[in-house]
mmCIF file of all heavy atoms, coordinates in Angstrom:
data_MODEL
# 
_entry.id   MODEL 
# 
loop_
_atom_site.group_PDB 
_atom_site.id 
_atom_site.type_symbol 
_atom_site.label_atom_id 
_atom_site.label_alt_id 
_atom_site.label_comp_id 
_atom_site.label_asym_id 
_atom_site.label_entity_id 
_atom_site.label_seq_id 
_atom_site.pdbx_PDB_ins_code 
_atom_site.Cartn_x 
_atom_site.Cartn_y 
_atom_site.Cartn_z 
_atom_site.occupancy 
_atom_site.B_iso_or_equiv 
_atom_site.pdbx_formal_charge 
_atom_site.auth_seq_id 
_atom_site.auth_comp_id 
_atom_site.auth_asym_id 
_atom_site.auth_atom_id 
_atom_site.pdbx_PDB_model_num 
ATOM 1   N N   . GLN A 1 1  ? 5.541   6.670   -11.176 1.00 0.00 ? 1  GLN A N   1 
ATOM 2   C CA  . GLN A 1 1  ? 4.313   6.027   -10.705 1.00 0.00 ? 1  GLN A CA  1 
ATOM 3   C C   . GLN A 1 1  ? 4.519   4.538   -10.464 1.00 0.00 ? 1  GLN A C   1 
ATOM 4   O O   . GLN A 1 1  ? 4.031   3.991   -9.468  1.00 0.00 ? 1  GLN A O   1 
ATOM 5   C CB  . GLN A 1 1  ? 3.185   6.259   -11.701 1.00 0.00 ? 1  GLN A CB  1 
ATOM 6   C CG  . GLN A 1 1  ? 2.726   7.706   -11.779 1.00 0.00 ? 1  GLN A CG  1 
ATOM 7   C CD  . GLN A 1 1  ? 1.675   7.920   -12.836 1.00 0.00 ? 1  GLN A CD  1 
ATOM 8   O OE1 . GLN A 1 1  ? 0.878   7.039   -13.124 1.00 0.00 ? 1  GLN A OE1 1 
ATOM 9   N NE2 . GLN A 1 1  ? 1.685   9.088   -13.455 1.00 0.00 ? 1  GLN A NE2 1 
ATOM 10  N N   . ARG A 1 2  ? 5.235   3.876   -11.365 1.00 0.00 ? 2  ARG A N   1 
ATOM 11  C CA  . ARG A 1 2  ? 5.488   2.443   -11.189 1.00 0.00 ? 2  ARG A CA  1 
ATOM 12  C C   . ARG A 1 2  ? 6.308   2.194   -9.921  1.00 0.00 ? 2  ARG A C   1 
ATOM 13  O O   . ARG A 1 2  ? 6.025   1.282   -9.143  1.00 0.00 ? 2  ARG A O   1 
ATOM 14  C CB  . ARG A 1 2  ? 6.226   1.889   -12.416 1.00 0.00 ? 2  ARG A CB  1 
ATOM 15  C CG  . ARG A 1 2  ? 5.315   1.576   -13.589 1.00 0.00 ? 2  ARG A CG  1 
ATOM 16  C CD  . ARG A 1 2  ? 6.050   0.801   -14.675 1.00 0.00 ? 2  ARG A CD  1 
ATOM 17  N NE  . ARG A 1 2  ? 7.043   1.629   -15.350 1.00 0.00 ? 2  ARG A NE  1 
ATOM 18  C CZ  . ARG A 1 2  ? 6.774   2.384   -16.415 1.00 0.00 ? 2  ARG A CZ  1 
ATOM 19  N NH1 . ARG A 1 2  ? 5.542   2.412   -16.915 1.00 0.00 ? 2  ARG A NH1 1 
ATOM 20  N NH2 . ARG A 1 2  ? 7.722   3.103   -16.981 1.00 0.00 ? 2  ARG A NH2 1 
ATOM 21  N N   . THR A 1 3  ? 7.305   3.033   -9.714  1.00 0.00 ? 3  THR A N   1 
ATOM 22  C CA  . THR A 1 3  ? 8.161   2.888   -8.535  1.00 0.00 ? 3  THR A CA  1 
ATOM 23  C C   . THR A 1 3  ? 7.368   3.106   -7.249  1.00 0.00 ? 3  THR A C   1 
ATOM 24  O O   . THR A 1 3  ? 7.452   2.316   -6.306  1.00 0.00 ? 3  THR A O   1 
ATOM 25  C CB  . THR A 1 3  ? 9.333   3.892   -8.604  1.00 0.00 ? 3  THR A CB  1 
ATOM 26  O OG1 . THR A 1 3  ? 10.085  3.653   -9.789  1.00 0.00 ? 3  THR A OG1 1 
ATOM 27  C CG2 . THR A 1 3  ? 10.236  3.765   -7.395  1.00 0.00 ? 3  THR A CG2 1 
ATOM 28  N N   . ILE A 1 4  ? 6.596   4.189   -7.215  1.00 0.00 ? 4  ILE A N   1 
ATOM 29  C CA  . ILE A 1 4  ? 5.837   4.527   -6.008  1.00 0.00 ? 4  ILE A CA  1 
ATOM 30  C C   . ILE A 1 4  ? 4.755   3.486   -5.738  1.00 0.00 ? 4  ILE A C   1 
ATOM 31  O O   . ILE A 1 4  ? 4.499   3.115   -4.587  1.00 0.00 ? 4  ILE A O   1 
ATOM 32  C CB  . ILE A 1 4  ? 5.241   5.947   -6.134  1.00 0.00 ? 4  ILE A CB  1 
ATOM 33  C CG1 . ILE A 1 4  ? 6.374   6.981   -6.128  1.00 0.00 ? 4  ILE A CG1 1 
ATOM 34  C CG2 . ILE A 1 4  ? 4.265   6.232   -4.993  1.00 0.00 ? 4  ILE A CG2 1 
ATOM 35  C CD1 . ILE A 1 4  ? 5.944   8.391   -6.473  1.00 0.00 ? 4  ILE A CD1 1 
ATOM 36  N N   . SER A 1 5  ? 4.115   2.965   -6.790  1.00 0.00 ? 5  SER A N   1 
ATOM 37  C CA  . SER A 1 5  ? 3.095   1.926   -6.609  1.00 0.00 ? 5  SER A CA  1 
ATOM 38  C C   . SER A 1 5  ? 3.679   0.693   -5.940  1.00 0.00 ? 5  SER A C   1 
ATOM 39  O O   . SER A 1 5  ? 3.028   0.049   -5.105  1.00 0.00 ? 5  SER A O   1 
ATOM 40  C CB  . SER A 1 5  ? 2.481   1.539   -7.955  1.00 0.00 ? 5  SER A CB  1 
ATOM 41  O OG  . SER A 1 5  ? 1.642   2.566   -8.428  1.00 0.00 ? 5  SER A OG  1 
ATOM 42  N N   . ALA A 1 6  ? 4.902   0.352   -6.288  1.00 0.00 ? 6  ALA A N   1 
ATOM 43  C CA  . ALA A 1 6  ? 5.559   -0.802  -5.659  1.00 0.00 ? 6  ALA A CA  1 
ATOM 44  C C   . ALA A 1 6  ? 5.787   -0.539  -4.167  1.00 0.00 ? 6  ALA A C   1 
ATOM 45  O O   . ALA A 1 6  ? 5.596   -1.435  -3.327  1.00 0.00 ? 6  ALA A O   1 
ATOM 46  C CB  . ALA A 1 6  ? 6.887   -1.089  -6.355  1.00 0.00 ? 6  ALA A CB  1 
ATOM 47  N N   . TYR A 1 7  ? 6.184   0.681   -3.836  1.00 0.00 ? 7  TYR A N   1 
ATOM 48  C CA  . TYR A 1 7  ? 6.365   1.026   -2.422  1.00 0.00 ? 7  TYR A CA  1 
ATOM 49  C C   . TYR A 1 7  ? 5.039   0.974   -1.667  1.00 0.00 ? 7  TYR A C   1 
ATOM 50  O O   . TYR A 1 7  ? 4.981   0.518   -0.518  1.00 0.00 ? 7  TYR A O   1 
ATOM 51  C CB  . TYR A 1 7  ? 6.990   2.423   -2.294  1.00 0.00 ? 7  TYR A CB  1 
ATOM 52  C CG  . TYR A 1 7  ? 8.413   2.525   -2.780  1.00 0.00 ? 7  TYR A CG  1 
ATOM 53  C CD1 . TYR A 1 7  ? 8.828   3.610   -3.546  1.00 0.00 ? 7  TYR A CD1 1 
ATOM 54  C CD2 . TYR A 1 7  ? 9.347   1.550   -2.466  1.00 0.00 ? 7  TYR A CD2 1 
ATOM 55  C CE1 . TYR A 1 7  ? 10.138  3.717   -3.995  1.00 0.00 ? 7  TYR A CE1 1 
ATOM 56  C CE2 . TYR A 1 7  ? 10.665  1.644   -2.906  1.00 0.00 ? 7  TYR A CE2 1 
ATOM 57  C CZ  . TYR A 1 7  ? 11.047  2.722   -3.680  1.00 0.00 ? 7  TYR A CZ  1 
ATOM 58  O OH  . TYR A 1 7  ? 12.342  2.827   -4.113  1.00 0.00 ? 7  TYR A OH  1 
ATOM 59  N N   . ILE A 1 8  ? 3.975   1.440   -2.301  1.00 0.00 ? 8  ILE A N   1 
ATOM 60  C CA  . ILE A 1 8  ? 2.652   1.408   -1.663  1.00 0.00 ? 8  ILE A CA  1 
ATOM 61  C C   . ILE A 1 8  ? 2.253   -0.036  -1.349  1.00 0.00 ? 8  ILE A C   1 
ATOM 62  O O   . ILE A 1 8  ? 1.755   -0.341  -0.257  1.00 0.00 ? 8  ILE A O   1 
ATOM 63  C CB  . ILE A 1 8  ? 1.595   2.071   -2.576  1.00 0.00 ? 8  ILE A CB  1 
ATOM 64  C CG1 . ILE A 1 8  ? 1.832   3.583   -2.670  1.00 0.00 ? 8  ILE A CG1 1 
ATOM 65  C CG2 . ILE A 1 8  ? 0.183   1.801   -2.054  1.00 0.00 ? 8  ILE A CG2 1 
ATOM 66  C CD1 . ILE A 1 8  ? 0.955   4.284   -3.685  1.00 0.00 ? 8  ILE A CD1 1 
ATOM 67  N N   . LYS A 1 9  ? 2.458   -0.946  -2.290  1.00 0.00 ? 9  LYS A N   1 
ATOM 68  C CA  . LYS A 1 9  ? 2.109   -2.359  -2.079  1.00 0.00 ? 9  LYS A CA  1 
ATOM 69  C C   . LYS A 1 9  ? 2.903   -2.965  -0.928  1.00 0.00 ? 9  LYS A C   1 
ATOM 70  O O   . LYS A 1 9  ? 2.384   -3.743  -0.133  1.00 0.00 ? 9  LYS A O   1 
ATOM 71  C CB  . LYS A 1 9  ? 2.358   -3.154  -3.368  1.00 0.00 ? 9  LYS A CB  1 
ATOM 72  C CG  . LYS A 1 9  ? 1.358   -2.843  -4.470  1.00 0.00 ? 9  LYS A CG  1 
ATOM 73  C CD  . LYS A 1 9  ? 1.709   -3.561  -5.762  1.00 0.00 ? 9  LYS A CD  1 
ATOM 74  C CE  . LYS A 1 9  ? 0.723   -3.184  -6.869  1.00 0.00 ? 9  LYS A CE  1 
ATOM 75  N NZ  . LYS A 1 9  ? 1.113   -3.761  -8.178  1.00 0.00 ? 9  LYS A NZ  1 
ATOM 76  N N   . THR A 1 10 ? 4.168   -2.581  -0.824  1.00 0.00 ? 10 THR A N   1 
ATOM 77  C CA  . THR A 1 10 ? 5.010   -3.084  0.267   1.00 0.00 ? 10 THR A CA  1 
ATOM 78  C C   . THR A 1 10 ? 4.494   -2.628  1.624   1.00 0.00 ? 10 THR A C   1 
ATOM 79  O O   . THR A 1 10 ? 4.399   -3.417  2.571   1.00 0.00 ? 10 THR A O   1 
ATOM 80  C CB  . THR A 1 10 ? 6.467   -2.605  0.072   1.00 0.00 ? 10 THR A CB  1 
ATOM 81  O OG1 . THR A 1 10 ? 6.938   -3.048  -1.195  1.00 0.00 ? 10 THR A OG1 1 
ATOM 82  C CG2 . THR A 1 10 ? 7.367   -3.146  1.164   1.00 0.00 ? 10 THR A CG2 1 
ATOM 83  N N   . VAL A 1 11 ? 4.164   -1.335  1.720   1.00 0.00 ? 11 VAL A N   1 
ATOM 84  C CA  . VAL A 1 11 ? 3.651   -0.786  2.979   1.00 0.00 ? 11 VAL A CA  1 
ATOM 85  C C   . VAL A 1 11 ? 2.281   -1.397  3.310   1.00 0.00 ? 11 VAL A C   1 
ATOM 86  O O   . VAL A 1 11 ? 2.011   -1.756  4.460   1.00 0.00 ? 11 VAL A O   1 
ATOM 87  C CB  . VAL A 1 11 ? 3.563   0.756   2.895   1.00 0.00 ? 11 VAL A CB  1 
ATOM 88  C CG1 . VAL A 1 11 ? 2.770   1.321   4.065   1.00 0.00 ? 11 VAL A CG1 1 
ATOM 89  C CG2 . VAL A 1 11 ? 4.963   1.361   2.857   1.00 0.00 ? 11 VAL A CG2 1 
ATOM 90  N N   . ASP A 1 12 ? 1.419   -1.529  2.308   1.00 0.00 ? 12 ASP A N   1 
ATOM 91  C CA  . ASP A 1 12 ? 0.096   -2.117  2.518   1.00 0.00 ? 12 ASP A CA  1 
ATOM 92  C C   . ASP A 1 12 ? 0.221   -3.535  3.075   1.00 0.00 ? 12 ASP A C   1 
ATOM 93  O O   . ASP A 1 12 ? -0.475  -3.907  4.029   1.00 0.00 ? 12 ASP A O   1 
ATOM 94  C CB  . ASP A 1 12 ? -0.668  -2.126  1.198   1.00 0.00 ? 12 ASP A CB  1 
ATOM 95  C CG  . ASP A 1 12 ? -2.094  -2.605  1.352   1.00 0.00 ? 12 ASP A CG  1 
ATOM 96  O OD1 . ASP A 1 12 ? -2.877  -1.906  2.024   1.00 0.00 ? 12 ASP A OD1 1 
ATOM 97  O OD2 . ASP A 1 12 ? -2.423  -3.688  0.809   1.00 0.00 ? 12 ASP A OD2 1 
ATOM 98  N N   . ALA A 1 13 ? 1.112   -4.327  2.484   1.00 0.00 ? 13 ALA A N   1 
ATOM 99  C CA  . ALA A 1 13 ? 1.307   -5.704  2.940   1.00 0.00 ? 13 ALA A CA  1 
ATOM 100 C C   . ALA A 1 13 ? 1.824   -5.743  4.374   1.00 0.00 ? 13 ALA A C   1 
ATOM 101 O O   . ALA A 1 13 ? 1.406   -6.582  5.186   1.00 0.00 ? 13 ALA A O   1 
ATOM 102 C CB  . ALA A 1 13 ? 2.281   -6.426  2.000   1.00 0.00 ? 13 ALA A CB  1 
ATOM 103 N N   . ALA A 1 14 ? 2.732   -4.816  4.715   1.00 0.00 ? 14 ALA A N   1 
ATOM 104 C CA  . ALA A 1 14 ? 3.292   -4.764  6.071   1.00 0.00 ? 14 ALA A CA  1 
ATOM 105 C C   . ALA A 1 14 ? 2.211   -4.422  7.097   1.00 0.00 ? 14 ALA A C   1 
ATOM 106 O O   . ALA A 1 14 ? 2.157   -5.006  8.193   1.00 0.00 ? 14 ALA A O   1 
ATOM 107 C CB  . ALA A 1 14 ? 4.425   -3.753  6.133   1.00 0.00 ? 14 ALA A CB  1 
ATOM 108 N N   . LEU A 1 15 ? 1.328   -3.501  6.759   1.00 0.00 ? 15 LEU A N   1 
ATOM 109 C CA  . LEU A 1 15 ? 0.243   -3.132  7.670   1.00 0.00 ? 15 LEU A CA  1 
ATOM 110 C C   . LEU A 1 15 ? -0.720  -4.301  7.864   1.00 0.00 ? 15 LEU A C   1 
ATOM 111 O O   . LEU A 1 15 ? -1.086  -4.648  8.997   1.00 0.00 ? 15 LEU A O   1 
ATOM 112 C CB  . LEU A 1 15 ? -0.516  -1.917  7.113   1.00 0.00 ? 15 LEU A CB  1 
ATOM 113 C CG  . LEU A 1 15 ? 0.232   -0.576  7.119   1.00 0.00 ? 15 LEU A CG  1 
ATOM 114 C CD1 . LEU A 1 15 ? -0.508  0.459   6.292   1.00 0.00 ? 15 LEU A CD1 1 
ATOM 115 C CD2 . LEU A 1 15 ? 0.420   -0.066  8.544   1.00 0.00 ? 15 LEU A CD2 1 
ATOM 116 N N   . ARG A 1 16 ? -1.129  -4.902  6.753   1.00 0.00 ? 16 ARG A N   1 
ATOM 117 C CA  . ARG A 1 16 ? -2.072  -6.018  6.845   1.00 0.00 ? 16 ARG A CA  1 
ATOM 118 C C   . ARG A 1 16 ? -1.457  -7.218  7.546   1.00 0.00 ? 16 ARG A C   1 
ATOM 119 O O   . ARG A 1 16 ? -2.160  -7.972  8.233   1.00 0.00 ? 16 ARG A O   1 
ATOM 120 C CB  . ARG A 1 16 ? -2.556  -6.404  5.443   1.00 0.00 ? 16 ARG A CB  1 
ATOM 121 C CG  . ARG A 1 16 ? -3.394  -5.313  4.775   1.00 0.00 ? 16 ARG A CG  1 
ATOM 122 C CD  . ARG A 1 16 ? -3.876  -5.716  3.394   1.00 0.00 ? 16 ARG A CD  1 
ATOM 123 N NE  . ARG A 1 16 ? -4.504  -4.607  2.700   1.00 0.00 ? 16 ARG A NE  1 
ATOM 124 C CZ  . ARG A 1 16 ? -5.765  -4.214  2.893   1.00 0.00 ? 16 ARG A CZ  1 
ATOM 125 N NH1 . ARG A 1 16 ? -6.526  -4.861  3.769   1.00 0.00 ? 16 ARG A NH1 1 
ATOM 126 N NH2 . ARG A 1 16 ? -6.260  -3.197  2.225   1.00 0.00 ? 16 ARG A NH2 1 
ATOM 127 N N   . GLY A 1 17 ? -0.151  -7.389  7.389   1.00 0.00 ? 17 GLY A N   1 
ATOM 128 C CA  . GLY A 1 17 ? 0.542   -8.484  8.065   1.00 0.00 ? 17 GLY A CA  1 
ATOM 129 C C   . GLY A 1 17 ? 0.519   -8.361  9.575   1.00 0.00 ? 17 GLY A C   1 
ATOM 130 O O   . GLY A 1 17 ? 0.745   -9.332  10.296  1.00 0.00 ? 17 GLY A O   1 
ATOM 131 N N   . ARG A 1 18 ? 0.249   -7.153  10.063  1.00 0.00 ? 18 ARG A N   1 
ATOM 132 C CA  . ARG A 1 18 ? 0.129   -6.915  11.513  1.00 0.00 ? 18 ARG A CA  1 
ATOM 133 C C   . ARG A 1 18 ? -1.323  -6.715  11.934  1.00 0.00 ? 18 ARG A C   1 
ATOM 134 O O   . ARG A 1 18 ? -1.611  -6.130  12.975  1.00 0.00 ? 18 ARG A O   1 
ATOM 135 C CB  . ARG A 1 18 ? 0.975   -5.694  11.903  1.00 0.00 ? 18 ARG A CB  1 
ATOM 136 C CG  . ARG A 1 18 ? 2.469   -5.982  11.847  1.00 0.00 ? 18 ARG A CG  1 
ATOM 137 C CD  . ARG A 1 18 ? 3.286   -4.707  11.826  1.00 0.00 ? 18 ARG A CD  1 
ATOM 138 N NE  . ARG A 1 18 ? 4.723   -4.967  11.877  1.00 0.00 ? 18 ARG A NE  1 
ATOM 139 C CZ  . ARG A 1 18 ? 5.449   -5.402  10.856  1.00 0.00 ? 18 ARG A CZ  1 
ATOM 140 N NH1 . ARG A 1 18 ? 4.859   -5.626  9.693   1.00 0.00 ? 18 ARG A NH1 1 
ATOM 141 N NH2 . ARG A 1 18 ? 6.742   -5.622  10.979  1.00 0.00 ? 18 ARG A NH2 1 
ATOM 142 N N   . ASN A 1 19 ? -2.233  -7.166  11.066  1.00 0.00 ? 19 ASN A N   1 
ATOM 143 C CA  . ASN A 1 19 ? -3.679  -7.052  11.322  1.00 0.00 ? 19 ASN A CA  1 
ATOM 144 C C   . ASN A 1 19 ? -4.132  -5.610  11.508  1.00 0.00 ? 19 ASN A C   1 
ATOM 145 O O   . ASN A 1 19 ? -5.033  -5.319  12.299  1.00 0.00 ? 19 ASN A O   1 
ATOM 146 C CB  . ASN A 1 19 ? -4.083  -7.893  12.552  1.00 0.00 ? 19 ASN A CB  1 
ATOM 147 C CG  . ASN A 1 19 ? -3.885  -9.378  12.312  1.00 0.00 ? 19 ASN A CG  1 
ATOM 148 O OD1 . ASN A 1 19 ? -4.197  -9.877  11.237  1.00 0.00 ? 19 ASN A OD1 1 
ATOM 149 N ND2 . ASN A 1 19 ? -3.359  -10.067 13.312  1.00 0.00 ? 19 ASN A ND2 1 
ATOM 150 N N   . LEU A 1 20 ? -3.482  -4.703  10.787  1.00 0.00 ? 20 LEU A N   1 
ATOM 151 C CA  . LEU A 1 20 ? -3.869  -3.298  10.799  1.00 0.00 ? 20 LEU A CA  1 
ATOM 152 C C   . LEU A 1 20 ? -4.578  -2.963  9.492   1.00 0.00 ? 20 LEU A C   1 
ATOM 153 O O   . LEU A 1 20 ? -4.508  -3.721  8.520   1.00 0.00 ? 20 LEU A O   1 
ATOM 154 C CB  . LEU A 1 20 ? -2.632  -2.411  10.957  1.00 0.00 ? 20 LEU A CB  1 
ATOM 155 C CG  . LEU A 1 20 ? -1.824  -2.605  12.241  1.00 0.00 ? 20 LEU A CG  1 
ATOM 156 C CD1 . LEU A 1 20 ? -0.496  -1.866  12.163  1.00 0.00 ? 20 LEU A CD1 1 
ATOM 157 C CD2 . LEU A 1 20 ? -2.625  -2.140  13.450  1.00 0.00 ? 20 LEU A CD2 1 
ATOM 158 N N   . THR A 1 21 ? -5.252  -1.833  9.463   1.00 0.00 ? 21 THR A N   1 
ATOM 159 C CA  . THR A 1 21 ? -5.909  -1.393  8.237   1.00 0.00 ? 21 THR A CA  1 
ATOM 160 C C   . THR A 1 21 ? -4.869  -1.062  7.181   1.00 0.00 ? 21 THR A C   1 
ATOM 161 O O   . THR A 1 21 ? -3.898  -0.351  7.450   1.00 0.00 ? 21 THR A O   1 
ATOM 162 C CB  . THR A 1 21 ? -6.766  -0.137  8.518   1.00 0.00 ? 21 THR A CB  1 
ATOM 163 O OG1 . THR A 1 21 ? -7.688  -0.435  9.563   1.00 0.00 ? 21 THR A OG1 1 
ATOM 164 C CG2 . THR A 1 21 ? -7.535  0.283   7.269   1.00 0.00 ? 21 THR A CG2 1 
ATOM 165 N N   . GLY A 1 22 ? -5.061  -1.588  5.959   1.00 0.00 ? 22 GLY A N   1 
ATOM 166 C CA  . GLY A 1 22 ? -4.141  -1.292  4.871   1.00 0.00 ? 22 GLY A CA  1 
ATOM 167 C C   . GLY A 1 22 ? -4.269  0.148   4.420   1.00 0.00 ? 22 GLY A C   1 
ATOM 168 O O   . GLY A 1 22 ? -5.067  0.919   4.951   1.00 0.00 ? 22 GLY A O   1 
ATOM 169 N N   . VAL A 1 23 ? -3.478  0.513   3.423   1.00 0.00 ? 23 VAL A N   1 
ATOM 170 C CA  . VAL A 1 23 ? -3.517  1.894   2.939   1.00 0.00 ? 23 VAL A CA  1 
ATOM 171 C C   . VAL A 1 23 ? -4.860  2.176   2.277   1.00 0.00 ? 23 VAL A C   1 
ATOM 172 O O   . VAL A 1 23 ? -5.479  1.270   1.704   1.00 0.00 ? 23 VAL A O   1 
ATOM 173 C CB  . VAL A 1 23 ? -2.367  2.179   1.949   1.00 0.00 ? 23 VAL A CB  1 
ATOM 174 C CG1 . VAL A 1 23 ? -1.025  1.940   2.584   1.00 0.00 ? 23 VAL A CG1 1 
ATOM 175 C CG2 . VAL A 1 23 ? -2.520  1.360   0.677   1.00 0.00 ? 23 VAL A CG2 1 
ATOM 176 N N   . PRO A 1 24 ? -5.357  3.409   2.354   1.00 0.00 ? 24 PRO A N   1 
ATOM 177 C CA  . PRO A 1 24 ? -6.627  3.756   1.703   1.00 0.00 ? 24 PRO A CA  1 
ATOM 178 C C   . PRO A 1 24 ? -6.595  3.494   0.205   1.00 0.00 ? 24 PRO A C   1 
ATOM 179 O O   . PRO A 1 24 ? -5.535  3.563   -0.431  1.00 0.00 ? 24 PRO A O   1 
ATOM 180 C CB  . PRO A 1 24 ? -6.772  5.260   2.001   1.00 0.00 ? 24 PRO A CB  1 
ATOM 181 C CG  . PRO A 1 24 ? -5.981  5.474   3.255   1.00 0.00 ? 24 PRO A CG  1 
ATOM 182 C CD  . PRO A 1 24 ? -4.819  4.530   3.158   1.00 0.00 ? 24 PRO A CD  1 
ATOM 183 N N   . ASP A 1 25 ? -7.755  3.209   -0.365  1.00 0.00 ? 25 ASP A N   1 
ATOM 184 C CA  . ASP A 1 25 ? -7.865  2.860   -1.783  1.00 0.00 ? 25 ASP A CA  1 
ATOM 185 C C   . ASP A 1 25 ? -7.367  3.965   -2.703  1.00 0.00 ? 25 ASP A C   1 
ATOM 186 O O   . ASP A 1 25 ? -6.867  3.687   -3.796  1.00 0.00 ? 25 ASP A O   1 
ATOM 187 C CB  . ASP A 1 25 ? -9.314  2.515   -2.146  1.00 0.00 ? 25 ASP A CB  1 
ATOM 188 C CG  . ASP A 1 25 ? -9.771  1.218   -1.488  1.00 0.00 ? 25 ASP A CG  1 
ATOM 189 O OD1 . ASP A 1 25 ? -8.890  0.413   -1.115  1.00 0.00 ? 25 ASP A OD1 1 
ATOM 190 O OD2 . ASP A 1 25 ? -10.987 1.022   -1.349  1.00 0.00 ? 25 ASP A OD2 1 
ATOM 191 N N   . ASP A 1 26 ? -7.509  5.231   -2.278  1.00 0.00 ? 26 ASP A N   1 
ATOM 192 C CA  . ASP A 1 26 ? -7.163  6.315   -3.188  1.00 0.00 ? 26 ASP A CA  1 
ATOM 193 C C   . ASP A 1 26 ? -5.657  6.511   -3.353  1.00 0.00 ? 26 ASP A C   1 
ATOM 194 O O   . ASP A 1 26 ? -5.211  7.410   -4.049  1.00 0.00 ? 26 ASP A O   1 
ATOM 195 C CB  . ASP A 1 26 ? -7.836  7.631   -2.783  1.00 0.00 ? 26 ASP A CB  1 
ATOM 196 C CG  . ASP A 1 26 ? -7.356  8.140   -1.434  1.00 0.00 ? 26 ASP A CG  1 
ATOM 197 O OD1 . ASP A 1 26 ? -6.488  7.494   -0.816  1.00 0.00 ? 26 ASP A OD1 1 
ATOM 198 O OD2 . ASP A 1 26 ? -7.842  9.201   -0.996  1.00 0.00 ? 26 ASP A OD2 1 
ATOM 199 N N   . TYR A 1 27 ? -4.848  5.651   -2.726  1.00 0.00 ? 27 TYR A N   1 
ATOM 200 C CA  . TYR A 1 27 ? -3.409  5.697   -2.974  1.00 0.00 ? 27 TYR A CA  1 
ATOM 201 C C   . TYR A 1 27 ? -3.084  5.206   -4.387  1.00 0.00 ? 27 TYR A C   1 
ATOM 202 O O   . TYR A 1 27 ? -2.045  5.542   -4.924  1.00 0.00 ? 27 TYR A O   1 
ATOM 203 C CB  . TYR A 1 27 ? -2.655  4.810   -1.981  1.00 0.00 ? 27 TYR A CB  1 
ATOM 204 C CG  . TYR A 1 27 ? -2.459  5.409   -0.612  1.00 0.00 ? 27 TYR A CG  1 
ATOM 205 C CD1 . TYR A 1 27 ? -3.310  6.389   -0.105  1.00 0.00 ? 27 TYR A CD1 1 
ATOM 206 C CD2 . TYR A 1 27 ? -1.415  4.983   0.204   1.00 0.00 ? 27 TYR A CD2 1 
ATOM 207 C CE1 . TYR A 1 27 ? -3.136  6.915   1.143   1.00 0.00 ? 27 TYR A CE1 1 
ATOM 208 C CE2 . TYR A 1 27 ? -1.238  5.498   1.474   1.00 0.00 ? 27 TYR A CE2 1 
ATOM 209 C CZ  . TYR A 1 27 ? -2.097  6.467   1.949   1.00 0.00 ? 27 TYR A CZ  1 
ATOM 210 O OH  . TYR A 1 27 ? -1.916  6.988   3.195   1.00 0.00 ? 27 TYR A OH  1 
ATOM 211 N N   . TYR A 1 28 ? -3.973  4.375   -4.971  1.00 0.00 ? 28 TYR A N   1 
ATOM 212 C CA  . TYR A 1 28 ? -3.769  3.835   -6.325  1.00 0.00 ? 28 TYR A CA  1 
ATOM 213 C C   . TYR A 1 28 ? -4.861  4.350   -7.221  1.00 0.00 ? 28 TYR A C   1 
ATOM 214 O O   . TYR A 1 28 ? -5.988  4.524   -6.775  1.00 0.00 ? 28 TYR A O   1 
ATOM 215 C CB  . TYR A 1 28 ? -3.887  2.313   -6.369  1.00 0.00 ? 28 TYR A CB  1 
ATOM 216 C CG  . TYR A 1 28 ? -3.145  1.508   -5.387  1.00 0.00 ? 28 TYR A CG  1 
ATOM 217 C CD1 . TYR A 1 28 ? -3.718  1.166   -4.169  1.00 0.00 ? 28 TYR A CD1 1 
ATOM 218 C CD2 . TYR A 1 28 ? -1.880  1.027   -5.679  1.00 0.00 ? 28 TYR A CD2 1 
ATOM 219 C CE1 . TYR A 1 28 ? -3.051  0.353   -3.268  1.00 0.00 ? 28 TYR A CE1 1 
ATOM 220 C CE2 . TYR A 1 28 ? -1.214  0.205   -4.780  1.00 0.00 ? 28 TYR A CE2 1 
ATOM 221 C CZ  . TYR A 1 28 ? -1.805  -0.135  -3.580  1.00 0.00 ? 28 TYR A CZ  1 
ATOM 222 O OH  . TYR A 1 28 ? -1.146  -0.939  -2.709  1.00 0.00 ? 28 TYR A OH  1 
ATOM 223 N N   . PRO A 1 29 ? -4.678  4.246   -8.541  1.00 0.00 ? 29 PRO A N   1 
ATOM 224 C CA  . PRO A 1 29 ? -3.409  4.584   -9.181  1.00 0.00 ? 29 PRO A CA  1 
ATOM 225 C C   . PRO A 1 29 ? -3.416  6.072   -9.440  1.00 0.00 ? 29 PRO A C   1 
ATOM 226 O O   . PRO A 1 29 ? -4.384  6.753   -9.099  1.00 0.00 ? 29 PRO A O   1 
ATOM 227 C CB  . PRO A 1 29 ? -3.495  3.789   -10.504 1.00 0.00 ? 29 PRO A CB  1 
ATOM 228 C CG  . PRO A 1 29 ? -4.956  3.831   -10.845 1.00 0.00 ? 29 PRO A CG  1 
ATOM 229 C CD  . PRO A 1 29 ? -5.700  3.835   -9.524  1.00 0.00 ? 29 PRO A CD  1 
ATOM 230 N N   . ARG A 1 30 ? -2.413  6.579   -10.078 1.00 0.00 ? 30 ARG A N   1 
ATOM 231 C CA  . ARG A 1 30 ? -2.420  8.014   -10.420 1.00 0.00 ? 30 ARG A CA  1 
ATOM 232 C C   . ARG A 1 30 ? -3.443  8.245   -11.505 1.00 0.00 ? 30 ARG A C   1 
ATOM 233 O O   . ARG A 1 30 ? -3.593  7.443   -12.409 1.00 0.00 ? 30 ARG A O   1 
ATOM 234 C CB  . ARG A 1 30 ? -1.037  8.437   -10.930 1.00 0.00 ? 30 ARG A CB  1 
ATOM 235 C CG  . ARG A 1 30 ? 0.020   8.457   -9.838  1.00 0.00 ? 30 ARG A CG  1 
ATOM 236 C CD  . ARG A 1 30 ? -0.248  9.492   -8.781  1.00 0.00 ? 30 ARG A CD  1 
ATOM 237 N NE  . ARG A 1 30 ? -0.226  10.834  -9.321  1.00 0.00 ? 30 ARG A NE  1 
ATOM 238 C CZ  . ARG A 1 30 ? -0.705  11.888  -8.700  1.00 0.00 ? 30 ARG A CZ  1 
ATOM 239 N NH1 . ARG A 1 30 ? -1.280  11.772  -7.545  1.00 0.00 ? 30 ARG A NH1 1 
ATOM 240 N NH2 . ARG A 1 30 ? -0.623  13.076  -9.252  1.00 0.00 ? 30 ARG A NH2 1 
# 
């Protein structure tokens, strides 16, 4: 869970950095 949460944050930041919608809220936490 800790590992996957870090990956989720990375992807979320990349999406928002391109002015796109970030990952849905239900991706966190388990």
